[in-house]
Amino acid sequence: MVLFQLLSTVLVLGFEQLVQWEYGPVGVICFCLLAAGMRMRNTTCVSLGAVVFVLLMVQA
């Protein structure tokens, strides 16, 4: 169980660094909105995070 938690933490932190490198701080905010919305089952956060992410992808 500890190995799984360590592996998932490393994977999430690596993905967060990749998003920050590619899309900047707004990408990290978007990622946090998506993650928090999915965890809390809040459709407003998920929708807002998805819209911001799509806008970032269209701009780049």
C-alpha atoms as a PDB file:
ATOM      1  CA  MET A   1       0.000   0.000   0.000  1.00  0.00           C
ATOM      2  CA  VAL A   2       2.836   2.409   0.828  1.00  0.00           C
ATOM      3  CA  LEU A   3       4.518   1.680  -2.505  1.00  0.00           C
ATOM      4  CA  PHE A   4       1.270   2.439  -4.344  1.00  0.00           C
ATOM      5  CA  GLN A   5       0.885   5.769  -2.525  1.00  0.00           C
ATOM      6  CA  LEU A   6       4.488   6.707  -3.243  1.00  0.00           C
ATOM      7  CA  LEU A   7       4.156   5.793  -6.915  1.00  0.00           C
ATOM      8  CA  SER A   8       0.899   7.708  -7.323  1.00  0.00           C
ATOM      9  CA  THR A   9       2.377  10.776  -5.598  1.00  0.00           C
ATOM     10  CA  VAL A  10       5.420  10.747  -7.863  1.00  0.00           C
ATOM     11  CA  LEU A  11       3.205  10.322 -10.915  1.00  0.00           C
ATOM     12  CA  VAL A  12       0.907  13.203  -9.945  1.00  0.00           C
ATOM     13  CA  LEU A  13       3.801  15.528  -9.114  1.00  0.00           C
ATOM     14  CA  GLY A  14       5.511  14.679 -12.398  1.00  0.00           C
ATOM     15  CA  PHE A  15       2.325  15.381 -14.334  1.00  0.00           C
ATOM     16  CA  GLU A  16       1.867  18.664 -12.469  1.00  0.00           C
ATOM     17  CA  GLN A  17       5.403  19.741 -13.365  1.00  0.00           C
ATOM     18  CA  LEU A  18       4.773  18.841 -17.011  1.00  0.00           C
ATOM     19  CA  VAL A  19       1.583  20.912 -17.050  1.00  0.00           C
ATOM     20  CA  GLN A  20       3.334  23.843 -15.378  1.00  0.00           C
ATOM     21  CA  TRP A  21       6.231  23.678 -17.848  1.00  0.00           C
ATOM     22  CA  GLU A  22       3.901  23.534 -20.849  1.00  0.00           C
ATOM     23  CA  TYR A  23       1.063  25.877 -19.818  1.00  0.00           C
ATOM     24  CA  GLY A  24       2.441  27.927 -16.919  1.00  0.00           C
ATOM     25  CA  PRO A  25       0.702  28.797 -13.672  1.00  0.00           C
ATOM     26  CA  VAL A  26      -2.724  28.952 -15.313  1.00  0.00           C
ATOM     27  CA  GLY A  27      -2.292  25.315 -16.329  1.00  0.00           C
ATOM     28  CA  VAL A  28      -1.614  24.355 -12.720  1.00  0.00           C
ATOM     29  CA  ILE A  29      -4.737  26.227 -11.586  1.00  0.00           C
ATOM     30  CA  CYS A  30      -6.699  24.421 -14.276  1.00  0.00           C
ATOM     31  CA  PHE A  31      -5.292  21.061 -13.168  1.00  0.00           C
ATOM     32  CA  CYS A  32      -6.149  21.832  -9.534  1.00  0.00           C
ATOM     33  CA  LEU A  33      -9.706  22.815 -10.469  1.00  0.00           C
ATOM     34  CA  LEU A  34     -10.165  19.585 -12.394  1.00  0.00           C
ATOM     35  CA  ALA A  35      -8.715  17.451  -9.600  1.00  0.00           C
ATOM     36  CA  ALA A  36     -10.663  19.180  -6.827  1.00  0.00           C
ATOM     37  CA  GLY A  37     -13.885  19.106  -8.809  1.00  0.00           C
ATOM     38  CA  MET A  38     -13.562  15.414  -9.524  1.00  0.00           C
ATOM     39  CA  ARG A  39     -12.710  14.612  -5.921  1.00  0.00           C
ATOM     40  CA  MET A  40     -15.589  16.701  -4.500  1.00  0.00           C
ATOM     41  CA  ARG A  41     -17.945  15.732  -7.350  1.00  0.00           C
ATOM     42  CA  ASN A  42     -18.499  19.411  -8.100  1.00  0.00           C
ATOM     43  CA  THR A  43     -19.495  19.870 -11.725  1.00  0.00           C
ATOM     44  CA  THR A  44     -18.849  23.618 -11.625  1.00  0.00           C
ATOM     45  CA  CYS A  45     -15.148  23.149 -10.789  1.00  0.00           C
ATOM     46  CA  VAL A  46     -14.752  20.399 -13.373  1.00  0.00           C
ATOM     47  CA  SER A  47     -16.456  22.465 -16.059  1.00  0.00           C
ATOM     48  CA  LEU A  48     -14.438  25.582 -15.269  1.00  0.00           C
ATOM     49  CA  GLY A  49     -11.180  23.631 -15.259  1.00  0.00           C
ATOM     50  CA  ALA A  50     -12.050  21.951 -18.564  1.00  0.00           C
ATOM     51  CA  VAL A  51     -12.949  25.260 -20.223  1.00  0.00           C
ATOM     52  CA  VAL A  52      -9.721  26.888 -19.061  1.00  0.00           C
ATOM     53  CA  PHE A  53      -7.713  23.898 -20.253  1.00  0.00           C
ATOM     54  CA  VAL A  54      -9.360  23.977 -23.687  1.00  0.00           C
ATOM     55  CA  LEU A  55      -8.666  27.715 -23.937  1.00  0.00           C
ATOM     56  CA  LEU A  56      -5.022  27.110 -23.061  1.00  0.00           C
ATOM     57  CA  MET A  57      -4.730  24.366 -25.679  1.00  0.00           C
ATOM     58  CA  VAL A  58      -6.343  26.496 -28.379  1.00  0.00           C
ATOM     59  CA  GLN A  59      -4.066  29.429 -27.568  1.00  0.00           C
ATOM     60  CA  ALA A  60      -0.849  27.366 -27.697  1.00  0.00           C
END
